[in-house]
Amino acid sequence: MARREDIYDVCVVGAGIEGSSTARYLASRKKKTLLLEQFPLPHARGSSHGHSRIVRYGYPEDFHVALMPEAFEIWSEVEKKYGKPLIKKCGLLTIDEPPYADVAQVITNVRGVGKECIPLSAEESNKRFPGLNFSPDDSCALEQDSGLIDANSALKAMQEQFVEFGGILHDREKVLDIEPGTVVSIKTVNNTYKARSVVITVGPWVNKVLNPLGVTIPLSIQRMSVCYWPVTEPHLYSADKFPAYIFCAPLGCRKTHVYGFPINEYPGLIKICPHKGTDIPSADHRDSCTPQEDPNVQFTAKVIKARFPGVKPEPSIVESCIYSVTPDHLFVMDKHPEFRNIVIGAGFSGHGFKMAPVVGKILSQMALGEKVSYDVLPFRLSRFTSFGRSKSSL
């Protein structure tokens, strides 16, 4: 029998941004928390590294927008405690094509949480942002309180503050087995730990952990090409003049979205990326092909040639990141259908970084058996018909 003092309140498996946010929230609540990470920290093998992620209120789905006011509040707390800027409010421009359903809903939803969202015609957008060529059919929405967050620094801040709050962080400690029970046993390469609850936030490795527990989440694992392009007219793309942006409608006949930022990371280079990756068997195969073989990079080059007059359509740097995506592109935030003290967080790629502080709160509340503060119906595991042994209910 483990001694009471040897049992953690919660063990969080996976120290990406969602796991680190969860662990920080738990430790801030004075819960005895262990955070385990399989790789040496910091690392670039998952989905939480890099220098820029979009932070915004605007989504067509109101349940996404509902998470953002508190997410921004907690990010502000983290930033203040960290002592360095994390968020740059350069604005966020959503660009849509007819019938404009997405941009119209974005405007409604952003205003619904009390934030300004300015509708812009293509003509107005061309005057305001000469670094982009807008089609006459484009309709845009500008969120001035949105922008970008420094991902590496934000993750570091979360982990440092978790430890400051009294949490225990172990990297280089891959989990080999989770044995359910009133007290859960977590076996790693180095040790066996006991916890009253476990939160699993291991990104694209989630099914390796869940399969022995009888659950499989239908995830697509994709290698994403993170592209940086040389700028010929840098004055058009500085952060004080040019916003982050999202083409929320597919461009042309190819169902690939494009998003990007002002000049921020590498001098003279701008980050413009396809929001679609190349399917791979697992995250461990991330580097099995080269970016030059990615048709999404080639497509993005065509978009740049047509849309960005001050950018060369030949990438100078192409880095890699992993997306793990559910069929409906929504998160999984739920308890295991049978073992109710095992909580699952997965499928956050593409949206999850900005929402991580509130995701951490939700997963923590589930792990502690508390009432969840938000509507989690869209994120339940039971929406998939063949995920495992039985349907989940909260």
Protein backbone atom coordinates (compact mmCIF):
# COMPACT_ATOMS: atom_id res chain seq x y z
CA MET A 1 0.00 0.00 0.00
CA ALA A 2 1.30 3.42 -0.91
CA ARG A 3 1.54 5.88 1.95
CA ARG A 4 -0.90 8.77 1.79
CA GLU A 5 1.97 11.24 1.41
CA ASP A 6 3.24 9.30 -1.63
CA ILE A 7 -0.03 9.67 -3.55
CA TYR A 8 -0.46 12.66 -5.84
CA ASP A 9 -3.82 14.34 -6.17
CA VAL A 10 -3.34 14.42 -9.95
CA CYS A 11 -0.69 13.17 -12.37
CA VAL A 12 -0.65 14.98 -15.72
CA VAL A 13 0.94 12.98 -18.53
CA GLY A 14 2.35 15.17 -21.29
CA ALA A 15 3.91 18.62 -20.78
CA GLY A 16 2.87 20.37 -23.95
CA ILE A 17 0.86 23.56 -23.56
CA GLU A 18 -2.38 21.78 -22.61
CA GLY A 19 -0.74 19.53 -20.01
CA SER A 20 1.41 22.32 -18.62
CA SER A 21 -1.61 24.62 -18.36
CA THR A 22 -3.55 21.89 -16.58
CA ALA A 23 -0.70 21.23 -14.18
CA ARG A 24 -0.24 24.94 -13.46
CA TYR A 25 -3.93 25.37 -12.67
CA LEU A 26 -3.91 22.37 -10.32
CA ALA A 27 -0.78 23.52 -8.52
CA SER A 28 -2.23 27.02 -8.17
CA ARG A 29 -5.15 25.33 -6.39
CA LYS A 30 -2.65 23.75 -3.95
CA LYS A 31 -3.20 20.28 -5.36
CA LYS A 32 -0.27 17.87 -5.14
CA THR A 33 0.51 17.51 -8.85
CA LEU A 34 3.05 15.56 -10.90
CA LEU A 35 3.73 16.52 -14.53
CA LEU A 36 5.48 13.91 -16.69
CA GLU A 37 7.08 14.51 -20.11
CA GLN A 38 8.66 11.82 -22.30
CA PHE A 39 11.19 14.12 -24.01
CA PRO A 40 13.92 16.34 -22.54
CA LEU A 41 12.63 19.87 -22.08
CA PRO A 42 12.48 22.08 -24.06
CA HIS A 43 11.83 20.05 -27.22
CA ALA A 44 10.37 20.45 -30.69
CA ARG A 45 8.89 16.99 -31.25
CA GLY A 46 5.24 17.80 -30.63
CA SER A 47 2.81 20.64 -31.26
CA SER A 48 3.69 23.34 -28.70
CA HIS A 49 7.03 24.72 -29.90
CA GLY A 50 7.81 27.77 -32.02
CA HIS A 51 7.55 31.52 -31.56
CA SER A 52 4.08 32.36 -32.81
CA ARG A 53 0.49 31.22 -32.49
CA ILE A 54 -2.62 33.22 -33.28
CA VAL A 55 -4.64 34.39 -30.29
CA ARG A 56 -8.15 35.62 -31.08
CA TYR A 57 -11.71 35.78 -29.90
CA GLY A 58 -13.24 35.25 -33.32
CA TYR A 59 -14.66 31.86 -34.23
CA PRO A 60 -17.82 30.93 -36.10
CA GLU A 61 -18.63 28.55 -33.19
CA ASP A 62 -19.94 30.28 -30.09
CA PHE A 63 -18.65 27.53 -27.79
CA HIS A 64 -15.10 28.36 -28.90
CA VAL A 65 -15.57 32.08 -28.42
CA ALA A 66 -16.98 31.46 -24.93
CA LEU A 67 -13.58 30.12 -23.81
CA MET A 68 -11.55 33.13 -24.90
CA PRO A 69 -12.37 35.93 -22.41
CA GLU A 70 -11.08 33.89 -19.47
CA ALA A 71 -8.23 32.51 -21.59
CA PHE A 72 -7.02 36.07 -22.23
CA GLU A 73 -7.43 36.89 -18.52
CA ILE A 74 -5.29 33.94 -17.46
CA TRP A 75 -2.71 34.65 -20.17
CA SER A 76 -2.47 38.16 -18.72
CA GLU A 77 -1.85 36.70 -15.25
CA VAL A 78 0.80 34.33 -16.61
CA GLU A 79 2.46 37.17 -18.53
CA LYS A 80 2.54 39.46 -15.50
CA LYS A 81 4.06 36.76 -13.30
CA TYR A 82 6.56 35.83 -16.05
CA GLY A 83 7.73 39.44 -16.26
CA LYS A 84 8.08 39.49 -20.04
CA PRO A 85 5.59 40.12 -22.87
CA LEU A 86 3.92 37.01 -24.26
CA ILE A 87 1.10 38.45 -26.38
CA LYS A 88 1.47 41.02 -29.15
CA LYS A 89 -1.87 42.62 -30.03
CA CYS A 90 -1.17 43.34 -33.67
CA GLY A 91 -4.78 42.57 -34.61
CA LEU A 92 -6.33 39.61 -36.41
CA LEU A 93 -7.91 39.84 -39.85
CA THR A 94 -10.42 37.17 -40.89
CA ILE A 95 -10.86 36.99 -44.68
CA ASP A 96 -13.90 35.25 -46.13
CA GLU A 97 -15.50 34.55 -49.50
CA PRO A 98 -19.20 34.43 -50.45
CA PRO A 99 -21.62 33.61 -48.88
CA TYR A 100 -19.66 35.14 -45.94
CA ALA A 101 -21.25 32.89 -43.33
CA ASP A 102 -18.03 32.51 -41.32
CA VAL A 103 -17.05 36.18 -41.18
CA ALA A 104 -20.61 37.23 -40.32
CA GLN A 105 -20.71 34.78 -37.43
CA VAL A 106 -17.25 35.83 -36.26
CA ILE A 107 -18.40 39.45 -36.04
CA THR A 108 -21.54 38.48 -34.13
CA ASN A 109 -19.69 36.21 -31.71
CA VAL A 110 -16.82 38.60 -30.98
CA ARG A 111 -19.22 41.44 -30.30
CA GLY A 112 -21.23 39.02 -28.16
CA VAL A 113 -18.33 38.80 -25.66
CA GLY A 114 -17.99 42.58 -25.59
CA LYS A 115 -15.03 42.97 -27.95
CA GLU A 116 -14.71 45.18 -31.01
CA CYS A 117 -14.81 43.53 -34.42
CA ILE A 118 -14.71 45.82 -37.44
CA PRO A 119 -16.22 44.68 -40.76
CA LEU A 120 -14.14 45.71 -43.77
CA SER A 121 -14.87 45.50 -47.47
CA ALA A 122 -12.21 44.37 -49.92
CA GLU A 123 -11.68 47.99 -50.97
CA GLU A 124 -11.25 49.15 -47.37
CA SER A 125 -8.90 46.26 -46.64
CA ASN A 126 -6.73 47.02 -49.66
CA LYS A 127 -6.30 50.61 -48.50
CA ARG A 128 -5.60 49.63 -44.91
CA PHE A 129 -3.28 46.68 -45.62
CA PRO A 130 -1.39 47.17 -48.90
CA GLY A 131 0.73 44.11 -48.14
CA LEU A 132 -2.25 41.94 -49.15
CA ASN A 133 -4.13 41.83 -52.44
CA PHE A 134 -7.80 41.37 -51.66
CA SER A 135 -10.22 39.90 -54.16
CA PRO A 136 -13.28 42.09 -54.90
CA ASP A 137 -15.40 39.29 -53.43
CA ASP A 138 -13.51 39.23 -50.11
CA SER A 139 -15.18 40.33 -46.91
CA CYS A 140 -13.08 40.86 -43.79
CA ALA A 141 -13.36 41.30 -40.05
CA LEU A 142 -10.66 42.95 -37.95
CA GLU A 143 -10.25 42.13 -34.25
CA GLN A 144 -7.95 44.75 -32.79
CA ASP A 145 -7.62 43.01 -29.39
CA SER A 146 -6.24 39.83 -30.97
CA GLY A 147 -2.82 39.00 -32.39
CA LEU A 148 -0.06 36.52 -31.64
CA ILE A 149 1.55 34.79 -28.67
CA ASP A 150 5.17 33.65 -28.27
CA ALA A 151 4.60 29.91 -27.96
CA ASN A 152 8.02 28.92 -26.59
CA SER A 153 7.96 31.60 -23.92
CA ALA A 154 4.34 30.88 -23.01
CA LEU A 155 5.08 27.18 -22.52
CA LYS A 156 8.18 27.97 -20.47
CA ALA A 157 6.17 30.38 -18.31
CA MET A 158 3.48 27.78 -17.65
CA GLN A 159 6.05 25.17 -16.62
CA GLU A 160 8.08 27.53 -14.46
CA GLN A 161 4.98 28.77 -12.67
CA PHE A 162 3.75 25.22 -12.14
CA VAL A 163 6.98 24.49 -10.26
CA GLU A 164 6.78 27.81 -8.38
CA PHE A 165 3.30 26.83 -7.21
CA GLY A 166 4.76 23.61 -5.78
CA GLY A 167 4.31 21.16 -8.66
CA ILE A 168 6.77 18.37 -9.51
CA LEU A 169 7.97 18.27 -13.14
CA HIS A 170 9.87 15.28 -14.54
CA ASP A 171 11.04 15.26 -18.15
CA ARG A 172 12.76 12.33 -19.93
CA GLU A 173 10.14 10.12 -18.28
CA LYS A 174 8.02 8.25 -20.80
CA VAL A 175 4.90 6.58 -19.43
CA LEU A 176 4.84 2.86 -20.17
CA ASP A 177 1.61 1.81 -18.50
CA ILE A 178 -1.37 3.23 -16.65
CA GLU A 179 -3.15 0.85 -14.29
CA PRO A 180 -6.66 2.04 -13.39
CA GLY A 181 -8.05 1.92 -9.87
CA THR A 182 -9.31 4.08 -7.06
CA VAL A 183 -5.66 5.10 -6.94
CA VAL A 184 -4.11 5.01 -10.40
CA SER A 185 -0.63 3.55 -10.94
CA ILE A 186 1.52 5.27 -13.56
CA LYS A 187 4.56 3.25 -14.61
CA THR A 188 7.35 5.13 -16.39
CA VAL A 189 10.81 4.25 -17.64
CA ASN A 190 12.17 5.37 -14.26
CA ASN A 191 9.55 4.78 -11.59
CA THR A 192 5.97 3.97 -10.64
CA TYR A 193 3.77 6.77 -9.28
CA LYS A 194 0.38 6.80 -7.60
CA ALA A 195 -2.32 9.41 -8.15
CA ARG A 196 -6.00 9.77 -7.34
CA SER A 197 -6.61 11.08 -10.87
CA VAL A 198 -4.69 11.17 -14.14
CA VAL A 199 -4.97 13.66 -17.00
CA ILE A 200 -3.65 12.44 -20.36
CA THR A 201 -2.48 15.24 -22.68
CA VAL A 202 0.10 13.59 -24.91
CA GLY A 203 -0.95 15.01 -28.27
CA PRO A 204 -0.36 12.67 -31.22
CA TRP A 205 0.76 9.85 -28.89
CA VAL A 206 -2.63 9.71 -27.17
CA ASN A 207 -3.81 6.42 -28.68
CA LYS A 208 -0.60 4.67 -27.63
CA VAL A 209 -1.53 5.52 -24.06
CA LEU A 210 -5.28 4.95 -24.41
CA ASN A 211 -5.36 1.70 -26.42
CA PRO A 212 -4.40 -0.51 -23.44
CA LEU A 213 -7.25 1.23 -21.56
CA GLY A 214 -9.76 0.23 -24.23
CA VAL A 215 -10.19 3.57 -25.99
CA THR A 216 -9.14 4.74 -29.45
CA ILE A 217 -9.77 8.30 -30.63
CA PRO A 218 -10.11 8.75 -34.41
CA LEU A 219 -7.18 11.11 -34.92
CA SER A 220 -5.42 12.13 -38.08
CA ILE A 221 -1.72 12.69 -37.42
CA GLN A 222 -0.24 15.25 -39.81
CA ARG A 223 3.18 16.73 -40.39
CA MET A 224 2.73 20.46 -40.85
CA SER A 225 5.11 22.64 -42.83
CA VAL A 226 5.84 25.89 -40.99
CA CYS A 227 7.10 28.23 -43.70
CA TYR A 228 9.07 31.48 -43.62
CA TRP A 229 9.28 33.54 -46.82
CA PRO A 230 11.67 36.39 -47.76
CA VAL A 231 10.15 39.87 -47.73
CA THR A 232 11.06 42.41 -50.41
CA GLU A 233 9.06 45.28 -48.86
CA PRO A 234 9.39 44.87 -45.09
CA HIS A 235 7.63 48.17 -44.31
CA LEU A 236 4.36 46.57 -45.47
CA TYR A 237 4.56 43.70 -42.98
CA SER A 238 5.78 45.17 -39.70
CA ALA A 239 3.73 44.32 -36.61
CA ASP A 240 2.68 47.94 -36.12
CA LYS A 241 1.07 48.03 -39.58
CA PHE A 242 0.18 44.47 -40.54
CA PRO A 243 -2.04 42.04 -38.59
CA ALA A 244 -2.08 38.31 -38.14
CA TYR A 245 -4.68 36.89 -40.51
CA ILE A 246 -6.69 33.85 -41.51
CA PHE A 247 -8.24 33.02 -44.84
CA CYS A 248 -11.19 31.19 -43.32
CA ALA A 249 -12.54 30.01 -46.70
CA PRO A 250 -10.58 27.55 -48.85
CA LEU A 251 -8.63 29.36 -51.53
CA GLY A 252 -9.44 28.37 -55.08
CA CYS A 253 -10.28 24.75 -55.81
CA ARG A 254 -7.96 23.35 -53.12
CA LYS A 255 -9.38 22.82 -49.65
CA THR A 256 -6.41 24.39 -47.91
CA HIS A 257 -6.61 27.37 -45.60
CA VAL A 258 -3.71 29.79 -45.20
CA TYR A 259 -2.81 31.82 -42.14
CA GLY A 260 0.10 33.98 -41.10
CA PHE A 261 1.66 36.83 -39.16
CA PRO A 262 3.54 40.07 -39.56
CA ILE A 263 7.34 39.91 -39.49
CA ASN A 264 8.09 38.61 -36.00
CA GLU A 265 10.55 35.74 -35.68
CA TYR A 266 13.32 35.87 -38.30
CA PRO A 267 14.55 39.24 -39.61
CA GLY A 268 13.41 39.78 -43.18
CA LEU A 269 11.18 36.69 -43.20
CA ILE A 270 7.43 36.37 -42.77
CA LYS A 271 5.57 33.29 -41.52
CA ILE A 272 2.81 32.21 -43.92
CA CYS A 273 1.55 28.65 -43.53
CA PRO A 274 -0.91 26.17 -44.98
CA HIS A 275 -3.49 24.98 -42.46
CA LYS A 276 -3.28 21.47 -43.85
CA GLY A 277 -0.63 18.84 -43.41
CA THR A 278 0.61 15.54 -44.76
CA ASP A 279 -0.85 12.45 -43.11
CA ILE A 280 1.78 10.27 -41.42
CA PRO A 281 1.44 6.94 -39.59
CA SER A 282 2.52 8.42 -36.25
CA ALA A 283 4.33 11.38 -34.74
CA ASP A 284 7.52 9.30 -34.73
CA HIS A 285 7.46 9.46 -38.56
CA ARG A 286 7.44 13.25 -38.65
CA ASP A 287 10.75 13.50 -40.53
CA SER A 288 10.16 10.65 -42.97
CA CYS A 289 9.64 13.04 -45.90
CA THR A 290 11.00 16.45 -46.84
CA PRO A 291 9.04 19.74 -46.99
CA GLN A 292 9.85 19.97 -50.70
CA GLU A 293 7.52 17.01 -51.18
CA ASP A 294 4.61 18.80 -49.46
CA PRO A 295 2.04 19.99 -52.04
CA ASN A 296 0.63 22.36 -49.42
CA VAL A 297 3.87 24.35 -49.46
CA GLN A 298 3.66 24.58 -53.24
CA PHE A 299 0.05 25.74 -52.96
CA THR A 300 1.00 28.38 -50.38
CA ALA A 301 3.66 29.68 -52.77
CA LYS A 302 0.93 30.20 -55.39
CA VAL A 303 -1.20 32.06 -52.84
CA ILE A 304 1.76 34.30 -51.97
CA LYS A 305 2.40 35.05 -55.63
CA ALA A 306 -1.23 36.11 -56.07
CA ARG A 307 -1.91 37.76 -52.72
CA PHE A 308 1.32 39.12 -51.18
CA PRO A 309 3.01 41.72 -53.43
CA GLY A 310 5.97 42.23 -51.10
CA VAL A 311 6.88 38.58 -50.48
CA LYS A 312 8.94 36.18 -52.58
CA PRO A 313 7.07 32.89 -53.24
CA GLU A 314 10.04 30.70 -52.36
CA PRO A 315 10.41 29.70 -48.69
CA SER A 316 13.75 30.36 -47.02
CA ILE A 317 12.99 28.17 -43.98
CA VAL A 318 10.55 25.29 -43.60
CA GLU A 319 10.21 23.80 -40.12
CA SER A 320 8.03 20.92 -38.96
CA CYS A 321 5.23 20.63 -36.45
CA ILE A 322 2.70 17.90 -35.68
CA TYR A 323 -1.07 18.25 -35.86
CA SER A 324 -3.39 15.72 -34.28
CA VAL A 325 -6.87 16.34 -35.64
CA THR A 326 -10.25 14.75 -34.94
CA PRO A 327 -12.71 14.21 -37.83
CA ASP A 328 -14.75 17.27 -36.81
CA HIS A 329 -11.65 19.33 -35.87
CA LEU A 330 -12.94 19.76 -32.31
CA PHE A 331 -11.13 18.89 -29.09
CA VAL A 332 -11.66 15.89 -26.88
CA MET A 333 -12.11 16.89 -23.24
CA ASP A 334 -13.77 14.07 -21.35
CA LYS A 335 -13.45 11.38 -18.73
CA HIS A 336 -12.64 7.80 -19.66
CA PRO A 337 -15.96 6.00 -20.25
CA GLU A 338 -15.17 3.38 -17.59
CA PHE A 339 -12.39 4.75 -15.39
CA ARG A 340 -13.81 8.10 -14.30
CA ASN A 341 -10.63 9.32 -12.61
CA ILE A 342 -8.77 9.18 -15.93
CA VAL A 343 -9.31 12.36 -17.96
CA ILE A 344 -8.50 12.70 -21.65
CA GLY A 345 -7.48 15.86 -23.51
CA ALA A 346 -6.68 15.46 -27.21
CA GLY A 347 -7.11 16.86 -30.71
CA PHE A 348 -6.10 20.43 -29.88
CA SER A 349 -4.02 21.15 -32.96
CA GLY A 350 -4.93 24.23 -34.94
CA HIS A 351 -6.95 25.87 -32.17
CA GLY A 352 -5.78 24.71 -28.78
CA PHE A 353 -2.79 26.89 -27.92
CA LYS A 354 -4.73 30.11 -27.44
CA MET A 355 -7.37 28.32 -25.36
CA ALA A 356 -4.88 26.36 -23.23
CA PRO A 357 -5.44 28.23 -19.94
CA VAL A 358 -9.16 27.44 -19.98
CA VAL A 359 -8.57 23.92 -21.32
CA GLY A 360 -6.31 23.42 -18.30
CA LYS A 361 -9.05 24.65 -15.99
CA ILE A 362 -11.66 22.35 -17.56
CA LEU A 363 -9.44 19.26 -17.46
CA SER A 364 -8.50 20.07 -13.86
CA GLN A 365 -12.15 20.37 -12.84
CA MET A 366 -12.85 17.00 -14.43
CA ALA A 367 -9.89 15.43 -12.63
CA LEU A 368 -11.02 16.87 -9.28
CA GLY A 369 -14.61 15.76 -9.76
CA GLU A 370 -15.88 19.34 -9.80
CA LYS A 371 -18.60 20.92 -11.87
CA VAL A 372 -17.10 22.10 -15.16
CA SER A 373 -17.38 25.83 -15.78
CA TYR A 374 -18.10 25.59 -19.51
CA ASP A 375 -20.26 23.70 -21.98
CA VAL A 376 -18.20 20.63 -22.89
CA LEU A 377 -20.89 18.81 -24.85
CA PRO A 378 -19.16 19.52 -28.21
CA PHE A 379 -15.94 17.97 -26.88
CA ARG A 380 -17.28 14.68 -25.50
CA LEU A 381 -15.71 11.43 -26.56
CA SER A 382 -19.14 9.90 -27.13
CA ARG A 383 -19.61 11.87 -30.37
CA PHE A 384 -17.47 9.24 -32.05
CA THR A 385 -19.36 5.99 -32.61
CA SER A 386 -16.42 3.59 -32.30
CA PHE A 387 -14.09 5.15 -29.77
CA GLY A 388 -13.95 2.30 -27.26
CA ARG A 389 -15.84 0.25 -24.74
CA SER A 390 -18.81 2.43 -23.91
CA LYS A 391 -20.20 5.92 -24.25
CA SER A 392 -19.11 8.67 -21.93
CA SER A 393 -21.42 10.76 -19.83
CA LEU A 394 -20.54 13.61 -17.52
